[in-house]
PDB file of N, CA and C in Angstrom:
ATOM      1  N   MET A   1      49.120   1.972  49.624  1.00  0.00           N
ATOM      2  CA  MET A   1      50.179   2.257  48.683  1.00  0.00           C
ATOM      3  C   MET A   1      50.121   1.239  47.561  1.00  0.00           C
ATOM      4  N   ILE A   2      50.415   1.703  46.341  1.00  0.00           N
ATOM      5  CA  ILE A   2      50.484   0.812  45.188  1.00  0.00           C
ATOM      6  C   ILE A   2      51.891   0.884  44.603  1.00  0.00           C
ATOM      7  N   LYS A   3      52.152   0.001  43.672  1.00  0.00           N
ATOM      8  CA  LYS A   3      53.413   0.016  42.946  1.00  0.00           C
ATOM      9  C   LYS A   3      53.067   0.297  41.483  1.00  0.00           C
ATOM     10  N   ILE A   4      53.686   1.339  40.906  1.00  0.00           N
ATOM     11  CA  ILE A   4      53.466   1.676  39.507  1.00  0.00           C
ATOM     12  C   ILE A   4      54.699   1.258  38.718  1.00  0.00           C
ATOM     13  N   LEU A   5      54.465   0.545  37.624  1.00  0.00           N
ATOM     14  CA  LEU A   5      55.532   0.112  36.725  1.00  0.00           C
ATOM     15  C   LEU A   5      55.364   0.846  35.394  1.00  0.00           C
ATOM     16  N   TYR A   6      56.456   1.381  34.874  1.00  0.00           N
ATOM     17  CA  TYR A   6      56.448   2.075  33.579  1.00  0.00           C
ATOM     18  C   TYR A   6      57.253   1.250  32.589  1.00  0.00           C
ATOM     19  N   PHE A   7      56.730   1.077  31.381  1.00  0.00           N
ATOM     20  CA  PHE A   7      57.388   0.237  30.388  1.00  0.00           C
ATOM     21  C   PHE A   7      57.688   0.990  29.099  1.00  0.00           C
ATOM     22  N   ALA A   8      58.648   0.438  28.357  1.00  0.00           N
ATOM     23  CA  ALA A   8      59.030   0.901  27.019  1.00  0.00           C
ATOM     24  C   ALA A   8      59.380   2.393  27.013  1.00  0.00           C
ATOM     25  N   ARG A   9      58.834   3.144  26.068  1.00  0.00           N
ATOM     26  CA  ARG A   9      59.205   4.557  25.933  1.00  0.00           C
ATOM     27  C   ARG A   9      58.826   5.383  27.149  1.00  0.00           C
ATOM     28  N   LEU A  10      57.798   4.958  27.893  1.00  0.00           N
ATOM     29  CA  LEU A  10      57.414   5.707  29.091  1.00  0.00           C
ATOM     30  C   LEU A  10      58.540   5.657  30.121  1.00  0.00           C
ATOM     31  N   ARG A  11      59.119   4.486  30.289  1.00  0.00           N
ATOM     32  CA  ARG A  11      60.225   4.330  31.232  1.00  0.00           C
ATOM     33  C   ARG A  11      61.407   5.204  30.790  1.00  0.00           C
ATOM     34  N   GLU A  12      61.682   5.211  29.488  1.00  0.00           N
ATOM     35  CA  GLU A  12      62.796   6.007  28.973  1.00  0.00           C
ATOM     36  C   GLU A  12      62.531   7.500  29.123  1.00  0.00           C
ATOM     37  N   GLN A  13      61.337   7.939  28.759  1.00  0.00           N
ATOM     38  CA  GLN A  13      61.026   9.365  28.802  1.00  0.00           C
ATOM     39  C   GLN A  13      60.938   9.906  30.235  1.00  0.00           C
ATOM     40  N   LEU A  14      60.343   9.124  31.125  1.00  0.00           N
ATOM     41  CA  LEU A  14      60.175   9.584  32.503  1.00  0.00           C
ATOM     42  C   LEU A  14      61.404   9.325  33.360  1.00  0.00           C
ATOM     43  N   GLY A  15      62.280   8.437  32.902  1.00  0.00           N
ATOM     44  CA  GLY A  15      63.496   8.148  33.652  1.00  0.00           C
ATOM     45  C   GLY A  15      63.271   7.335  34.908  1.00  0.00           C
ATOM     46  N   VAL A  16      62.169   6.591  34.945  1.00  0.00           N
ATOM     47  CA  VAL A  16      61.851   5.760  36.113  1.00  0.00           C
ATOM     48  C   VAL A  16      61.172   4.477  35.627  1.00  0.00           C
ATOM     49  N   ALA A  17      61.585   3.351  36.195  1.00  0.00           N
ATOM     50  CA  ALA A  17      60.993   2.064  35.824  1.00  0.00           C
ATOM     51  C   ALA A  17      59.817   1.696  36.720  1.00  0.00           C
ATOM     52  N   GLU A  18      59.909   2.099  37.988  1.00  0.00           N
ATOM     53  CA  GLU A  18      58.816   1.814  38.922  1.00  0.00           C
ATOM     54  C   GLU A  18      58.898   2.787  40.082  1.00  0.00           C
ATOM     55  N   GLU A  19      57.762   2.919  40.767  1.00  0.00           N
ATOM     56  CA  GLU A  19      57.726   3.787  41.946  1.00  0.00           C
ATOM     57  C   GLU A  19      56.584   3.360  42.862  1.00  0.00           C
ATOM     58  N   PRO A  20      56.785   3.519  44.160  1.00  0.00           N
ATOM     59  CA  PRO A  20      55.667   3.356  45.089  1.00  0.00           C
ATOM     60  C   PRO A  20      54.821   4.618  45.006  1.00  0.00           C
ATOM     61  N   PHE A  21      53.528   4.470  45.208  1.00  0.00           N
ATOM     62  CA  PHE A  21      52.638   5.618  45.087  1.00  0.00           C
ATOM     63  C   PHE A  21      51.528   5.500  46.121  1.00  0.00           C
ATOM     64  N   THR A  22      51.318   6.558  46.885  1.00  0.00           N
ATOM     65  CA  THR A  22      50.233   6.586  47.856  1.00  0.00           C
ATOM     66  C   THR A  22      48.990   7.109  47.175  1.00  0.00           C
ATOM     67  N   LEU A  23      47.944   6.314  47.209  1.00  0.00           N
ATOM     68  CA  LEU A  23      46.689   6.693  46.566  1.00  0.00           C
ATOM     69  C   LEU A  23      46.023   7.851  47.297  1.00  0.00           C
ATOM     70  N   PRO A  24      45.343   8.720  46.534  1.00  0.00           N
ATOM     71  CA  PRO A  24      44.567   9.771  47.193  1.00  0.00           C
ATOM     72  C   PRO A  24      43.412   9.131  47.976  1.00  0.00           C
ATOM     73  N   ALA A  25      42.892   9.848  48.947  1.00  0.00           N
ATOM     74  CA  ALA A  25      41.785   9.337  49.766  1.00  0.00           C
ATOM     75  C   ALA A  25      40.555   9.082  48.889  1.00  0.00           C
ATOM     76  N   GLY A  26      39.781   8.104  49.267  1.00  0.00           N
ATOM     77  CA  GLY A  26      38.550   7.785  48.548  1.00  0.00           C
ATOM     78  C   GLY A  26      38.783   6.770  47.445  1.00  0.00           C
ATOM     79  N   ASP A  27      37.737   6.534  46.678  1.00  0.00           N
ATOM     80  CA  ASP A  27      37.825   5.579  45.583  1.00  0.00           C
ATOM     81  C   ASP A  27      38.753   6.113  44.499  1.00  0.00           C
ATOM     82  N   CYS A  28      39.478   5.208  43.877  1.00  0.00           N
ATOM     83  CA  CYS A  28      40.430   5.608  42.838  1.00  0.00           C
ATOM     84  C   CYS A  28      40.317   4.637  41.670  1.00  0.00           C
ATOM     85  N   THR A  29      40.313   5.185  40.464  1.00  0.00           N
ATOM     86  CA  THR A  29      40.298   4.385  39.242  1.00  0.00           C
ATOM     87  C   THR A  29      41.584   4.653  38.468  1.00  0.00           C
ATOM     88  N   ILE A  30      41.788   3.898  37.419  1.00  0.00           N
ATOM     89  CA  ILE A  30      42.936   4.145  36.540  1.00  0.00           C
ATOM     90  C   ILE A  30      42.893   5.579  36.022  1.00  0.00           C
ATOM     91  N   ALA A  31      41.730   6.057  35.607  1.00  0.00           N
ATOM     92  CA  ALA A  31      41.608   7.436  35.107  1.00  0.00           C
ATOM     93  C   ALA A  31      42.021   8.445  36.180  1.00  0.00           C
ATOM     94  N   ASP A  32      41.603   8.204  37.411  1.00  0.00           N
ATOM     95  CA  ASP A  32      41.976   9.100  38.523  1.00  0.00           C
ATOM     96  C   ASP A  32      43.490   9.084  38.736  1.00  0.00           C
ATOM     97  N   LEU A  33      44.074   7.891  38.695  1.00  0.00           N
ATOM     98  CA  LEU A  33      45.511   7.762  38.914  1.00  0.00           C
ATOM     99  C   LEU A  33      46.294   8.506  37.839  1.00  0.00           C
ATOM    100  N   LEU A  34      45.907   8.322  36.570  1.00  0.00           N
ATOM    101  CA  LEU A  34      46.603   9.009  35.493  1.00  0.00           C
ATOM    102  C   LEU A  34      46.455  10.529  35.610  1.00  0.00           C
ATOM    103  N   ALA A  35      45.278  10.989  35.994  1.00  0.00           N
ATOM    104  CA  ALA A  35      45.062  12.427  36.178  1.00  0.00           C
ATOM    105  C   ALA A  35      45.968  12.955  37.292  1.00  0.00           C
ATOM    106  N   HIS A  36      46.084  12.203  38.365  1.00  0.00           N
ATOM    107  CA  HIS A  36      46.941  12.617  39.474  1.00  0.00           C
ATOM    108  C   HIS A  36      48.414  12.692  39.028  1.00  0.00           C
ATOM    109  N   LEU A  37      48.863  11.707  38.269  1.00  0.00           N
ATOM    110  CA  LEU A  37      50.235  11.717  37.783  1.00  0.00           C
ATOM    111  C   LEU A  37      50.471  12.890  36.829  1.00  0.00           C
ATOM    112  N   ARG A  38      49.498  13.200  35.982  1.00  0.00           N
ATOM    113  CA  ARG A  38      49.622  14.351  35.056  1.00  0.00           C
ATOM    114  C   ARG A  38      49.745  15.662  35.820  1.00  0.00           C
ATOM    115  N   ARG A  39      49.118  15.751  36.984  1.00  0.00           N
ATOM    116  CA  ARG A  39      49.182  16.982  37.777  1.00  0.00           C
ATOM    117  C   ARG A  39      50.590  17.276  38.303  1.00  0.00           C
ATOM    118  N   ARG A  40      51.493  16.334  38.173  1.00  0.00           N
ATOM    119  CA  ARG A  40      52.888  16.607  38.505  1.00  0.00           C
ATOM    120  C   ARG A  40      53.455  17.676  37.562  1.00  0.00           C
ATOM    121  N   GLY A  41      52.820  17.800  36.406  1.00  0.00           N
ATOM    122  CA  GLY A  41      53.208  18.820  35.433  1.00  0.00           C
ATOM    123  C   GLY A  41      54.395  18.412  34.576  1.00  0.00           C
ATOM    124  N   GLY A  42      54.851  19.351  33.762  1.00  0.00           N
ATOM    125  CA  GLY A  42      56.019  19.159  32.916  1.00  0.00           C
ATOM    126  C   GLY A  42      55.976  17.905  32.084  1.00  0.00           C
ATOM    127  N   LEU A  43      57.056  17.152  32.174  1.00  0.00           N
ATOM    128  CA  LEU A  43      57.194  15.916  31.406  1.00  0.00           C
ATOM    129  C   LEU A  43      56.073  14.927  31.693  1.00  0.00           C
ATOM    130  N   TRP A  44      55.655  14.846  32.944  1.00  0.00           N
ATOM    131  CA  TRP A  44      54.575  13.922  33.318  1.00  0.00           C
ATOM    132  C   TRP A  44      53.292  14.256  32.578  1.00  0.00           C
ATOM    133  N   ALA A  45      52.969  15.529  32.496  1.00  0.00           N
ATOM    134  CA  ALA A  45      51.756  15.948  31.794  1.00  0.00           C
ATOM    135  C   ALA A  45      51.859  15.653  30.300  1.00  0.00           C
ATOM    136  N   ASP A  46      53.059  15.803  29.746  1.00  0.00           N
ATOM    137  CA  ASP A  46      53.252  15.542  28.319  1.00  0.00           C
ATOM    138  C   ASP A  46      53.196  14.057  28.006  1.00  0.00           C
ATOM    139  N   VAL A  47      53.990  13.268  28.721  1.00  0.00           N
ATOM    140  CA  VAL A  47      54.120  11.837  28.444  1.00  0.00           C
ATOM    141  C   VAL A  47      52.830  11.076  28.734  1.00  0.00           C
ATOM    142  N   LEU A  48      52.115  11.461  29.796  1.00  0.00           N
ATOM    143  CA  LEU A  48      50.881  10.775  30.187  1.00  0.00           C
ATOM    144  C   LEU A  48      49.641  11.572  29.806  1.00  0.00           C
ATOM    145  N   GLY A  49      49.798  12.526  28.875  1.00  0.00           N
ATOM    146  CA  GLY A  49      48.712  13.416  28.479  1.00  0.00           C
ATOM    147  C   GLY A  49      47.454  12.699  28.023  1.00  0.00           C
ATOM    148  N   GLU A  50      46.334  13.376  28.171  1.00  0.00           N
ATOM    149  CA  GLU A  50      45.047  12.772  27.828  1.00  0.00           C
ATOM    150  C   GLU A  50      44.979  12.361  26.360  1.00  0.00           C
ATOM    151  N   GLY A  51      45.727  13.012  25.490  1.00  0.00           N
ATOM    152  CA  GLY A  51      45.741  12.655  24.067  1.00  0.00           C
ATOM    153  C   GLY A  51      46.618  11.467  23.739  1.00  0.00           C
ATOM    154  N   GLU A  52      47.421  11.034  24.709  1.00  0.00           N
ATOM    155  CA  GLU A  52      48.316   9.894  24.483  1.00  0.00           C
ATOM    156  C   GLU A  52      47.552   8.580  24.574  1.00  0.00           C
ATOM    157  N   THR A  53      47.919   7.644  23.714  1.00  0.00           N
ATOM    158  CA  THR A  53      47.331   6.303  23.774  1.00  0.00           C
ATOM    159  C   THR A  53      48.182   5.467  24.712  1.00  0.00           C
ATOM    160  N   LEU A  54      47.586   5.069  25.823  1.00  0.00           N
ATOM    161  CA  LEU A  54      48.287   4.283  26.836  1.00  0.00           C
ATOM    162  C   LEU A  54      47.477   3.049  27.175  1.00  0.00           C
ATOM    163  N   MET A  55      48.174   1.997  27.536  1.00  0.00           N
ATOM    164  CA  MET A  55      47.548   0.781  28.035  1.00  0.00           C
ATOM    165  C   MET A  55      47.885   0.687  29.514  1.00  0.00           C
ATOM    166  N   THR A  56      47.000   0.050  30.266  1.00  0.00           N
ATOM    167  CA  THR A  56      47.248  -0.142  31.690  1.00  0.00           C
ATOM    168  C   THR A  56      46.838  -1.555  32.093  1.00  0.00           C
ATOM    169  N   ALA A  57      47.433  -2.006  33.167  1.00  0.00           N
ATOM    170  CA  ALA A  57      47.068  -3.291  33.750  1.00  0.00           C
ATOM    171  C   ALA A  57      47.108  -3.148  35.276  1.00  0.00           C
ATOM    172  N   VAL A  58      46.183  -3.800  35.924  1.00  0.00           N
ATOM    173  CA  VAL A  58      46.157  -3.850  37.386  1.00  0.00           C
ATOM    174  C   VAL A  58      46.351  -5.307  37.776  1.00  0.00           C
ATOM    175  N   ASN A  59      47.408  -5.554  38.515  1.00  0.00           N
ATOM    176  CA  ASN A  59      47.746  -6.919  38.935  1.00  0.00           C
ATOM    177  C   ASN A  59      47.805  -7.880  37.746  1.00  0.00           C
ATOM    178  N   GLN A  60      48.443  -7.399  36.662  1.00  0.00           N
ATOM    179  CA  GLN A  60      48.703  -8.167  35.450  1.00  0.00           C
ATOM    180  C   GLN A  60      47.449  -8.513  34.659  1.00  0.00           C
ATOM    181  N   GLU A  61      46.366  -7.776  34.893  1.00  0.00           N
ATOM    182  CA  GLU A  61      45.138  -7.920  34.110  1.00  0.00           C
ATOM    183  C   GLU A  61      44.902  -6.612  33.385  1.00  0.00           C
ATOM    184  N   LEU A  62      44.671  -6.647  32.069  1.00  0.00           N
ATOM    185  CA  LEU A  62      44.422  -5.409  31.336  1.00  0.00           C
ATOM    186  C   LEU A  62      43.297  -4.630  31.998  1.00  0.00           C
ATOM    187  N   ALA A  63      43.492  -3.319  32.061  1.00  0.00           N
ATOM    188  CA  ALA A  63      42.551  -2.454  32.765  1.00  0.00           C
ATOM    189  C   ALA A  63      42.016  -1.374  31.828  1.00  0.00           C
ATOM    190  N   ARG A  64      40.860  -0.849  32.197  1.00  0.00           N
ATOM    191  CA  ARG A  64      40.230   0.248  31.472  1.00  0.00           C
ATOM    192  C   ARG A  64      40.227   1.466  32.401  1.00  0.00           C
ATOM    193  N   PRO A  65      39.898   2.644  31.871  1.00  0.00           N
ATOM    194  CA  PRO A  65      39.910   3.841  32.718  1.00  0.00           C
ATOM    195  C   PRO A  65      39.067   3.722  33.986  1.00  0.00           C
ATOM    196  N   HIS A  66      37.959   2.986  33.939  1.00  0.00           N
ATOM    197  CA  HIS A  66      37.078   2.880  35.108  1.00  0.00           C
ATOM    198  C   HIS A  66      37.477   1.749  36.077  1.00  0.00           C
ATOM    199  N   THR A  67      38.553   1.024  35.761  1.00  0.00           N
ATOM    200  CA  THR A  67      38.997  -0.063  36.641  1.00  0.00           C
ATOM    201  C   THR A  67      39.459   0.507  37.980  1.00  0.00           C
ATOM    202  N   PRO A  68      38.956  -0.031  39.089  1.00  0.00           N
ATOM    203  CA  PRO A  68      39.379   0.464  40.406  1.00  0.00           C
ATOM    204  C   PRO A  68      40.815   0.064  40.733  1.00  0.00           C
ATOM    205  N   VAL A  69      41.461   0.910  41.517  1.00  0.00           N
ATOM    206  CA  VAL A  69      42.819   0.665  41.998  1.00  0.00           C
ATOM    207  C   VAL A  69      42.778   0.782  43.518  1.00  0.00           C
ATOM    208  N   GLY A  70      43.376  -0.186  44.221  1.00  0.00           N
ATOM    209  CA  GLY A  70      43.346  -0.156  45.673  1.00  0.00           C
ATOM    210  C   GLY A  70      44.715  -0.455  46.261  1.00  0.00           C
ATOM    211  N   ASP A  71      44.827  -0.243  47.564  1.00  0.00           N
ATOM    212  CA  ASP A  71      46.087  -0.497  48.272  1.00  0.00           C
ATOM    213  C   ASP A  71      46.604  -1.892  47.960  1.00  0.00           C
ATOM    214  N   GLY A  72      47.900  -1.976  47.721  1.00  0.00           N
ATOM    215  CA  GLY A  72      48.548  -3.247  47.454  1.00  0.00           C
ATOM    216  C   GLY A  72      48.562  -3.654  45.998  1.00  0.00           C
ATOM    217  N   ASP A  73      47.859  -2.907  45.154  1.00  0.00           N
ATOM    218  CA  ASP A  73      47.815  -3.255  43.732  1.00  0.00           C
ATOM    219  C   ASP A  73      49.116  -2.889  43.034  1.00  0.00           C
ATOM    220  N   GLU A  74      49.377  -3.579  41.945  1.00  0.00           N
ATOM    221  CA  GLU A  74      50.480  -3.259  41.046  1.00  0.00           C
ATOM    222  C   GLU A  74      49.846  -2.751  39.757  1.00  0.00           C
ATOM    223  N   VAL A  75      50.220  -1.539  39.354  1.00  0.00           N
ATOM    224  CA  VAL A  75      49.663  -0.923  38.147  1.00  0.00           C
ATOM    225  C   VAL A  75      50.779  -0.759  37.136  1.00  0.00           C
ATOM    226  N   ALA A  76      50.579  -1.311  35.943  1.00  0.00           N
ATOM    227  CA  ALA A  76      51.540  -1.158  34.856  1.00  0.00           C
ATOM    228  C   ALA A  76      50.968  -0.171  33.852  1.00  0.00           C
ATOM    229  N   ILE A  77      51.833   0.731  33.364  1.00  0.00           N
ATOM    230  CA  ILE A  77      51.439   1.714  32.346  1.00  0.00           C
ATOM    231  C   ILE A  77      52.415   1.548  31.188  1.00  0.00           C
ATOM    232  N   PHE A  78      51.875   1.375  29.962  1.00  0.00           N
ATOM    233  CA  PHE A  78      52.738   1.115  28.828  1.00  0.00           C
ATOM    234  C   PHE A  78      52.052   1.569  27.541  1.00  0.00           C
ATOM    235  N   PRO A  79      52.855   1.840  26.507  1.00  0.00           N
ATOM    236  CA  PRO A  79      52.275   2.201  25.224  1.00  0.00           C
ATOM    237  C   PRO A  79      51.729   0.938  24.553  1.00  0.00           C
ATOM    238  N   PRO A  80      50.782   1.110  23.623  1.00  0.00           N
ATOM    239  CA  PRO A  80      50.292  -0.066  22.906  1.00  0.00           C
ATOM    240  C   PRO A  80      51.428  -0.690  22.090  1.00  0.00           C
ATOM    241  N   VAL A  81      51.358  -1.967  21.896  1.00  0.00           N
ATOM    242  CA  VAL A  81      52.377  -2.660  21.109  1.00  0.00           C
ATOM    243  C   VAL A  81      51.730  -3.331  19.928  1.00  0.00           C
ATOM    244  N   THR A  82      52.503  -3.480  18.876  1.00  0.00           N
ATOM    245  CA  THR A  82      51.998  -4.190  17.702  1.00  0.00           C
ATOM    246  C   THR A  82      52.965  -5.293  17.380  1.00  0.00           C
ATOM    247  N   GLY A  83      52.474  -6.301  16.748  1.00  0.00           N
ATOM    248  CA  GLY A  83      53.318  -7.406  16.348  1.00  0.00           C
ATOM    249  C   GLY A  83      53.276  -7.574  14.842  1.00  0.00           C
ATOM    250  N   GLY A  84      54.142  -8.383  14.358  1.00  0.00           N
ATOM    251  CA  GLY A  84      54.118  -8.551  12.921  1.00  0.00           C
ATOM    252  C   GLY A  84      54.940  -9.698  12.476  1.00  0.00           C
TER     253      GLY A  84
END
């Protein structure tokens, strides 16, 4: 099981700040996880859609789509931020 954290507009749009999540069997990457979440359909498919620009981190380290995710990990999903 992993812990997924949602930040900024994702948290507002999805109505959830965090959730426990049981990984599918076999190897899992960030891309696999996002695809699984999109399969929930509706709002999940829209907010986490493949055309959306999202940032992710695994255990507080920035992650890429091919980054592996395993039991006990904490995965953060958030929109890109800019400073000024």
